[in-house]
Amino acid sequence: MMKNGVFSSILLVVILGLLAFSLWQNPNRNTCQDWKTVFKNDKQGNTVYGSRVQLVQAIRNGCDVKIAWGSQRNERSIEHVSEPIWLAIQNEAEVVAYLDAQVFIPKDKPDWQPQEWRVKITTGGAFDAIWLNRITDTLVRNVPQQHTMAWMVRCSNAGEKAIPLFRNQ
């Protein structure tokens, strides 16, 4: 009777081990390796890597998109990566993305009016940042900029031909 209990325990451990290994080996799991840079532009919007066409196709295929940008001054640099909350394809040539609004109150100014930071980014290198006063709903400042940006996608069907919304091709 003891042998059956030991055998059952060993069999259970083996089955659970195989199950865990098969889940770990699942090619559909989300990993960093699933993200692929498909387009990169310089500050002037010139193509540095990839193509806008591939990015547009991936968006039309429903792929997840992330955008990376940053700046470097002297020996200091910063890089950001964000998933847009809204994307638009303009005239088959330009992608426009809006980022989720960020609300902040500086720690050193607790009586300061809360502000909201919003950003519009384009494959043309435009990075329009605005700050709004959340209490008065007024513009605090607008800082249009140009940035180098990398556009990444994660999708199993990114290479498939996507059908434009206004054409039956």
Protein backbone atom coordinates (compact mmCIF):
# COMPACT_ATOMS: atom_id res chain seq x y z
CA MET A 1 0.00 0.00 0.00
CA MET A 2 2.89 2.29 0.76
CA LYS A 3 4.34 1.64 -2.70
CA ASN A 4 1.12 2.84 -4.38
CA GLY A 5 1.21 6.10 -2.38
CA VAL A 6 4.85 6.76 -3.28
CA PHE A 7 4.22 5.86 -6.92
CA SER A 8 1.19 8.18 -7.04
CA SER A 9 3.20 11.02 -5.50
CA ILE A 10 6.06 10.57 -7.97
CA LEU A 11 3.62 10.38 -10.88
CA LEU A 12 1.90 13.58 -9.71
CA VAL A 13 5.24 15.41 -9.45
CA VAL A 14 6.24 14.26 -12.95
CA ILE A 15 2.90 15.31 -14.45
CA LEU A 16 3.06 18.73 -12.77
CA GLY A 17 6.66 19.13 -13.92
CA LEU A 18 5.74 18.33 -17.51
CA LEU A 19 2.81 20.73 -17.36
CA ALA A 20 4.98 23.54 -15.98
CA PHE A 21 7.64 22.88 -18.64
CA SER A 22 5.08 22.92 -21.46
CA LEU A 23 3.68 26.25 -20.23
CA TRP A 24 7.19 27.66 -19.96
CA GLN A 25 7.94 26.55 -23.53
CA ASN A 26 4.74 28.10 -24.95
CA PRO A 27 5.76 30.14 -28.01
CA ASN A 28 2.71 32.41 -27.59
CA ARG A 29 3.75 33.73 -24.18
CA ASN A 30 4.60 37.42 -23.99
CA THR A 31 8.33 38.05 -23.73
CA CYS A 32 10.64 40.89 -24.61
CA GLN A 33 11.69 38.86 -27.62
CA ASP A 34 8.21 39.28 -29.10
CA TRP A 35 8.73 43.04 -29.61
CA LYS A 36 10.34 44.04 -32.89
CA THR A 37 11.44 47.51 -33.99
CA VAL A 38 9.82 48.07 -37.40
CA PHE A 39 10.51 51.78 -37.87
CA LYS A 40 12.89 54.37 -36.50
CA ASN A 41 12.98 58.05 -37.45
CA ASP A 42 15.50 60.79 -36.73
CA LYS A 43 14.59 64.22 -35.32
CA GLN A 44 13.64 65.47 -38.78
CA GLY A 45 11.39 62.47 -39.45
CA ASN A 46 13.78 60.80 -41.88
CA THR A 47 13.78 57.02 -41.90
CA VAL A 48 16.75 55.58 -39.99
CA TYR A 49 15.55 51.97 -39.91
CA GLY A 50 12.65 49.91 -41.24
CA SER A 51 9.65 51.36 -43.03
CA ARG A 52 6.50 53.30 -42.29
CA VAL A 53 4.64 50.89 -44.58
CA GLN A 54 5.52 47.96 -42.29
CA LEU A 55 4.42 49.97 -39.23
CA VAL A 56 1.11 50.92 -40.89
CA GLN A 57 0.52 47.30 -41.89
CA ALA A 58 1.20 46.11 -38.32
CA ILE A 59 -1.23 48.69 -36.91
CA ARG A 60 -3.93 47.62 -39.37
CA ASN A 61 -3.32 44.00 -38.36
CA GLY A 62 -4.07 44.91 -34.74
CA CYS A 63 -0.53 44.54 -33.43
CA ASP A 64 0.49 46.03 -30.09
CA VAL A 65 2.64 49.15 -30.52
CA LYS A 66 5.25 50.77 -28.29
CA ILE A 67 7.15 53.97 -28.97
CA ALA A 68 10.60 54.78 -27.60
CA TRP A 69 12.13 58.27 -27.55
CA GLY A 70 14.56 60.23 -25.48
CA SER A 71 17.15 62.94 -25.37
CA GLN A 72 20.81 63.39 -24.63
CA ARG A 73 22.53 66.53 -23.39
CA ASN A 74 26.18 66.53 -22.48
CA GLU A 75 26.73 63.34 -20.48
CA ARG A 76 23.09 62.93 -19.41
CA SER A 77 20.56 60.92 -21.32
CA ILE A 78 17.05 59.61 -20.78
CA GLU A 79 15.01 57.07 -22.71
CA HIS A 80 11.25 56.57 -22.49
CA VAL A 81 9.03 53.76 -23.77
CA SER A 82 5.25 53.98 -23.84
CA GLU A 83 2.26 52.23 -25.35
CA PRO A 84 -0.03 54.71 -27.09
CA ILE A 85 -3.70 54.91 -26.18
CA TRP A 86 -4.73 56.06 -29.64
CA LEU A 87 -3.21 55.70 -33.15
CA ALA A 88 -4.05 57.29 -36.49
CA ILE A 89 -2.76 56.65 -40.01
CA GLN A 90 -2.73 59.84 -42.09
CA ASN A 91 -2.66 59.64 -45.87
CA GLU A 92 -0.96 56.22 -45.86
CA ALA A 93 2.31 57.95 -44.91
CA GLU A 94 2.25 59.23 -41.33
CA VAL A 95 1.40 57.58 -38.02
CA VAL A 96 0.16 59.77 -35.15
CA ALA A 97 0.00 58.46 -31.59
CA TYR A 98 -1.33 59.90 -28.33
CA LEU A 99 0.04 58.78 -24.99
CA ASP A 100 -1.94 58.29 -21.80
CA ALA A 101 -2.15 61.51 -19.75
CA GLN A 102 0.11 61.74 -16.71
CA VAL A 103 -1.00 63.66 -13.62
CA PHE A 104 1.59 65.04 -11.22
CA ILE A 105 2.10 67.38 -8.27
CA PRO A 106 5.72 68.15 -7.36
CA LYS A 107 6.66 66.94 -3.87
CA ASP A 108 8.31 70.26 -3.04
CA LYS A 109 5.11 72.21 -3.91
CA PRO A 110 2.16 70.47 -2.18
CA ASP A 111 -0.08 73.53 -2.67
CA TRP A 112 0.66 73.61 -6.41
CA GLN A 113 -2.22 73.05 -8.81
CA PRO A 114 -2.20 69.50 -10.20
CA GLN A 115 -1.13 69.34 -13.83
CA GLU A 116 -1.73 66.86 -16.58
CA TRP A 117 0.96 66.10 -19.16
CA ARG A 118 -0.22 64.99 -22.60
CA VAL A 119 1.80 64.05 -25.66
CA LYS A 120 1.20 63.61 -29.38
CA ILE A 121 3.95 61.77 -31.29
CA THR A 122 4.36 61.26 -35.06
CA THR A 123 6.59 59.21 -37.32
CA GLY A 124 7.70 62.57 -38.70
CA GLY A 125 9.66 63.17 -35.48
CA ALA A 126 7.15 65.60 -33.95
CA PHE A 127 6.68 65.36 -30.20
CA ASP A 128 4.12 67.85 -28.92
CA ALA A 129 3.99 68.01 -25.12
CA ILE A 130 1.36 70.07 -23.33
CA TRP A 131 0.66 70.66 -19.66
CA LEU A 132 -2.88 71.44 -18.52
CA ASN A 133 -4.06 72.73 -15.16
CA ARG A 134 -6.50 70.04 -13.99
CA ILE A 135 -8.42 72.42 -11.70
CA THR A 136 -8.98 75.28 -14.15
CA ASP A 137 -8.74 73.15 -17.33
CA THR A 138 -6.36 75.69 -18.87
CA LEU A 139 -3.15 75.35 -20.84
CA VAL A 140 -0.07 75.82 -18.62
CA ARG A 141 2.52 75.38 -21.37
CA ASN A 142 3.03 73.86 -24.79
CA VAL A 143 6.46 72.51 -25.71
CA PRO A 144 6.68 71.27 -29.31
CA GLN A 145 9.85 69.22 -29.87
CA GLN A 146 11.51 66.94 -32.40
CA HIS A 147 12.83 63.54 -31.28
CA THR A 148 14.42 60.40 -32.64
CA MET A 149 11.85 57.64 -32.13
CA ALA A 150 11.69 53.88 -32.45
CA TRP A 151 8.34 52.23 -33.19
CA MET A 152 8.03 48.62 -32.01
CA VAL A 153 5.30 46.06 -32.60
CA ARG A 154 4.33 42.71 -31.12
CA CYS A 155 2.14 40.57 -33.30
CA SER A 156 1.93 37.10 -34.75
CA ASN A 157 0.53 38.37 -38.06
CA ALA A 158 2.62 41.56 -38.51
CA GLY A 159 3.83 40.49 -41.96
CA GLU A 160 0.39 39.79 -43.41
CA LYS A 161 -1.09 42.15 -45.98
CA ALA A 162 -3.46 44.50 -44.20
CA ILE A 163 -6.45 46.01 -45.97
CA PRO A 164 -6.66 49.83 -45.86
CA LEU A 165 -9.89 51.16 -44.43
CA PHE A 166 -10.81 53.16 -47.54
CA ARG A 167 -9.79 50.67 -50.23
CA ASN A 168 -11.02 47.21 -51.17
CA GLN A 169 -7.60 45.78 -52.07
